[in-house]
Amino acid sequence: MSEQTKSPEQEVELNEELEQMKAEVEAAVEAADAHEGEEVSPEAEIAMLYAELEDAKQTIADQKDGVVRAAADVDNIRRRAAQDVEKAHKFALEKFANELLPVIDNLERAIEFSDKENETLKPLLEGIDMTVKSFNDAVAKFGVEIVNPQGEQFNPEFHQAMSIQPSNDVTPNTVLAVMQKGYTLNGRLLRPAMVMVSKAAD
């Protein structure tokens, strides 16, 4: 079967499309050639390089800030860890020291309420007194200090008022008597001193 013959109108339309396509291709080729042949001025090239340099500087600055922040975070973590370790060392004996305080109290009461005129008891009392001093010296090596505020101004941070006594002999809020000594561990209160406090007489 022979090839179908195109009408004159179809042949004209086809030729026009081919010419248009050819013109578009030639225009694209000419634009590409013109772009390749275009020369960049030194000023424009310097401006481009300067812009790239500024971008690189900003990138470096951002990275540097990140490193500085990370180093600061690490330093803070290290400092907090060191503080926690220091506190643990300082106050690890708190429970043990609290268990010793009643023992010291009982030894001191034994001396206070004993018959000091009894010659038979004197060697025993001297031994108890030496034991109390040894206890106090031993716990002091680990940061335990006695709070004995006789004659001092009342301090609610370290003293517990058990009674109030009118007095004209001392200024108000003076500790008149210590009923039970207090103790601190490295500056932190273990037990407040139980005291009698003065007030102005009527």
Protein backbone atom coordinates (compact mmCIF):
# COMPACT_ATOMS: atom_id res chain seq x y z
CA MET A 1 0.00 0.00 0.00
CA SER A 2 1.44 3.36 -1.05
CA GLU A 3 2.21 6.11 1.47
CA GLN A 4 -0.69 8.51 2.05
CA THR A 5 -0.16 11.81 0.21
CA LYS A 6 -0.19 14.99 2.38
CA SER A 7 -2.26 17.95 1.40
CA PRO A 8 -0.52 21.24 0.49
CA GLU A 9 -1.85 22.83 3.67
CA GLN A 10 -0.31 20.10 5.87
CA GLU A 11 3.06 20.42 4.14
CA VAL A 12 3.12 24.20 4.73
CA GLU A 13 2.24 23.77 8.41
CA LEU A 14 4.96 21.13 8.86
CA ASN A 15 7.58 23.34 7.20
CA GLU A 16 6.66 26.24 9.47
CA GLU A 17 7.07 24.09 12.58
CA LEU A 18 10.47 22.86 11.40
CA GLU A 19 11.63 26.44 10.72
CA GLN A 20 10.48 27.55 14.17
CA MET A 21 12.31 24.69 15.87
CA LYS A 22 15.45 25.45 13.90
CA ALA A 23 15.28 29.10 14.87
CA GLU A 24 14.90 28.21 18.57
CA VAL A 25 17.89 25.86 18.47
CA GLU A 26 20.06 28.49 16.77
CA ALA A 27 19.04 31.11 19.31
CA ALA A 28 19.94 28.79 22.19
CA VAL A 29 23.32 28.00 20.66
CA GLU A 30 24.08 31.70 20.13
CA ALA A 31 23.13 32.50 23.76
CA ALA A 32 25.37 29.74 25.05
CA ASP A 33 28.28 30.92 22.89
CA ALA A 34 27.77 34.50 24.07
CA HIS A 35 27.79 33.44 27.74
CA GLU A 36 30.94 31.38 27.31
CA GLY A 37 32.70 34.25 25.68
CA GLU A 38 31.67 36.79 28.31
CA GLU A 39 34.57 38.09 30.39
CA VAL A 40 34.22 38.99 34.13
CA SER A 41 35.74 42.31 35.10
CA PRO A 42 38.44 42.33 37.83
CA GLU A 43 36.19 44.39 40.09
CA ALA A 44 33.37 41.88 39.76
CA GLU A 45 35.73 38.97 40.39
CA ILE A 46 37.15 40.70 43.51
CA ALA A 47 33.62 41.33 44.75
CA MET A 48 32.75 37.67 44.28
CA LEU A 49 35.89 36.55 46.11
CA TYR A 50 35.21 39.01 48.92
CA ALA A 51 31.67 37.67 49.30
CA GLU A 52 32.98 34.10 49.46
CA LEU A 53 35.57 35.17 52.04
CA GLU A 54 32.89 36.79 54.22
CA ASP A 55 30.79 33.63 53.99
CA ALA A 56 33.79 31.55 55.06
CA LYS A 57 34.51 33.94 57.97
CA GLN A 58 30.92 33.69 59.16
CA THR A 59 31.05 29.91 58.99
CA ILE A 60 34.27 29.88 61.04
CA ALA A 61 32.77 32.30 63.58
CA ASP A 62 29.68 30.11 63.98
CA GLN A 63 31.82 27.03 64.46
CA LYS A 64 34.03 28.86 66.96
CA ASP A 65 30.98 29.95 68.99
CA GLY A 66 29.78 26.37 69.05
CA VAL A 67 33.15 25.14 70.31
CA VAL A 68 33.27 27.85 73.00
CA ARG A 69 29.76 26.97 74.19
CA ALA A 70 30.58 23.29 74.27
CA ALA A 71 33.77 23.97 76.26
CA ALA A 72 31.80 26.13 78.72
CA ASP A 73 29.22 23.38 79.17
CA VAL A 74 31.94 20.81 79.83
CA ASP A 75 33.62 23.16 82.32
CA ASN A 76 30.32 23.71 84.16
CA ILE A 77 29.68 19.97 84.34
CA ARG A 78 33.21 19.38 85.65
CA ARG A 79 32.80 22.14 88.27
CA ARG A 80 29.45 20.79 89.46
CA ALA A 81 30.87 17.28 89.68
CA ALA A 82 33.82 18.55 91.74
CA GLN A 83 31.44 20.40 94.08
CA ASP A 84 29.31 17.29 94.49
CA VAL A 85 32.38 15.21 95.32
CA GLU A 86 33.58 17.84 97.79
CA LYS A 87 30.19 17.93 99.52
CA ALA A 88 30.11 14.14 99.63
CA HIS A 89 33.52 14.09 101.31
CA LYS A 90 32.58 16.83 103.77
CA PHE A 91 29.25 15.41 104.85
CA ALA A 92 29.77 11.65 104.47
CA LEU A 93 30.32 11.45 108.25
CA GLU A 94 27.09 13.28 109.12
CA LYS A 95 25.11 10.18 110.07
CA PHE A 96 28.04 8.65 111.95
CA ALA A 97 28.70 11.90 113.83
CA ASN A 98 25.04 12.15 114.84
CA GLU A 99 25.28 8.67 116.33
CA LEU A 100 28.30 9.72 118.41
CA LEU A 101 26.71 12.83 119.92
CA PRO A 102 24.53 10.99 122.46
CA VAL A 103 27.61 9.09 123.64
CA ILE A 104 29.45 12.36 124.30
CA ASP A 105 26.33 13.77 125.98
CA ASN A 106 26.11 10.80 128.37
CA LEU A 107 29.78 11.02 129.29
CA GLU A 108 29.46 14.73 130.03
CA ARG A 109 26.35 14.13 132.14
CA ALA A 110 28.19 11.47 134.10
CA ILE A 111 30.82 14.07 135.01
CA GLU A 112 28.30 16.84 135.68
CA PHE A 113 26.07 14.89 138.06
CA SER A 114 28.75 12.86 139.83
CA ASP A 115 29.95 13.48 143.37
CA LYS A 116 33.16 15.34 142.68
CA GLU A 117 34.05 15.39 146.42
CA ASN A 118 34.16 11.63 146.55
CA GLU A 119 37.83 10.68 146.48
CA THR A 120 37.00 7.18 145.35
CA LEU A 121 35.31 8.48 142.19
CA LYS A 122 37.99 11.02 141.23
CA PRO A 123 40.15 8.59 139.19
CA LEU A 124 37.01 7.39 137.37
CA LEU A 125 35.85 10.94 136.64
CA GLU A 126 39.30 11.91 135.41
CA GLY A 127 39.21 8.94 133.03
CA ILE A 128 35.74 9.92 131.77
CA ASP A 129 36.90 13.51 131.31
CA MET A 130 39.90 12.36 129.28
CA THR A 131 37.59 10.16 127.19
CA VAL A 132 35.31 13.12 126.43
CA LYS A 133 38.27 15.26 125.39
CA SER A 134 39.58 12.44 123.18
CA PHE A 135 36.15 12.11 121.56
CA ASN A 136 35.96 15.86 120.89
CA ASP A 137 39.51 15.98 119.51
CA ALA A 138 38.83 13.00 117.25
CA VAL A 139 35.61 14.35 115.74
CA ALA A 140 37.15 17.83 115.39
CA LYS A 141 39.69 16.35 112.96
CA PHE A 142 36.78 15.55 110.65
CA GLY A 143 35.13 18.99 110.86
CA VAL A 144 32.80 18.48 113.85
CA GLU A 145 32.76 21.57 116.08
CA ILE A 146 31.02 22.22 119.41
CA VAL A 147 28.36 24.94 119.68
CA ASN A 148 28.48 26.16 123.30
CA PRO A 149 27.02 29.70 123.25
CA GLN A 150 27.06 30.49 126.97
CA GLY A 151 26.88 34.30 127.36
CA GLU A 152 26.52 34.88 123.61
CA GLN A 153 23.64 36.46 121.71
CA PHE A 154 20.92 34.03 120.72
CA ASN A 155 21.31 32.85 117.11
CA PRO A 156 18.28 30.96 115.75
CA GLU A 157 20.44 29.36 113.07
CA PHE A 158 22.46 27.44 115.68
CA HIS A 159 20.47 27.73 118.93
CA GLN A 160 17.11 26.38 120.03
CA ALA A 161 15.43 28.38 122.81
CA MET A 162 13.95 26.04 125.41
CA SER A 163 12.93 28.77 127.87
CA ILE A 164 13.03 32.55 128.35
CA GLN A 165 14.15 34.16 131.60
CA PRO A 166 13.70 37.85 132.54
CA SER A 167 17.00 39.43 133.54
CA ASN A 168 18.43 42.89 134.20
CA ASP A 169 22.00 41.60 134.38
CA VAL A 170 22.43 40.97 130.64
CA THR A 171 21.05 42.38 127.44
CA PRO A 172 17.91 40.77 126.02
CA ASN A 173 18.39 37.67 123.83
CA THR A 174 21.53 36.62 125.68
CA VAL A 175 22.08 32.91 126.28
CA LEU A 176 21.86 32.47 130.06
CA ALA A 177 22.40 28.72 130.16
CA VAL A 178 23.20 25.87 127.79
CA MET A 179 21.09 22.82 128.52
CA GLN A 180 22.63 20.75 125.74
CA LYS A 181 25.57 21.63 123.48
CA GLY A 182 25.09 21.83 119.75
CA TYR A 183 27.40 20.62 116.98
CA THR A 184 28.24 21.56 113.41
CA LEU A 185 29.90 19.55 110.64
CA ASN A 186 32.06 21.66 108.33
CA GLY A 187 29.91 24.68 109.12
CA ARG A 188 26.57 22.89 108.62
CA LEU A 189 24.38 22.38 111.66
CA LEU A 190 24.24 18.84 113.03
CA ARG A 191 22.29 19.68 116.16
CA PRO A 192 21.26 23.05 117.63
CA ALA A 193 22.32 23.99 121.12
CA MET A 194 19.39 23.93 123.56
CA VAL A 195 19.52 27.14 125.55
CA MET A 196 17.82 29.46 128.00
CA VAL A 197 17.50 33.01 126.66
CA SER A 198 17.13 36.30 128.56
CA LYS A 199 14.53 38.97 128.08
CA ALA A 200 14.09 42.42 129.59
CA ALA A 201 12.67 42.30 133.11
CA ASP A 202 9.31 43.95 133.72
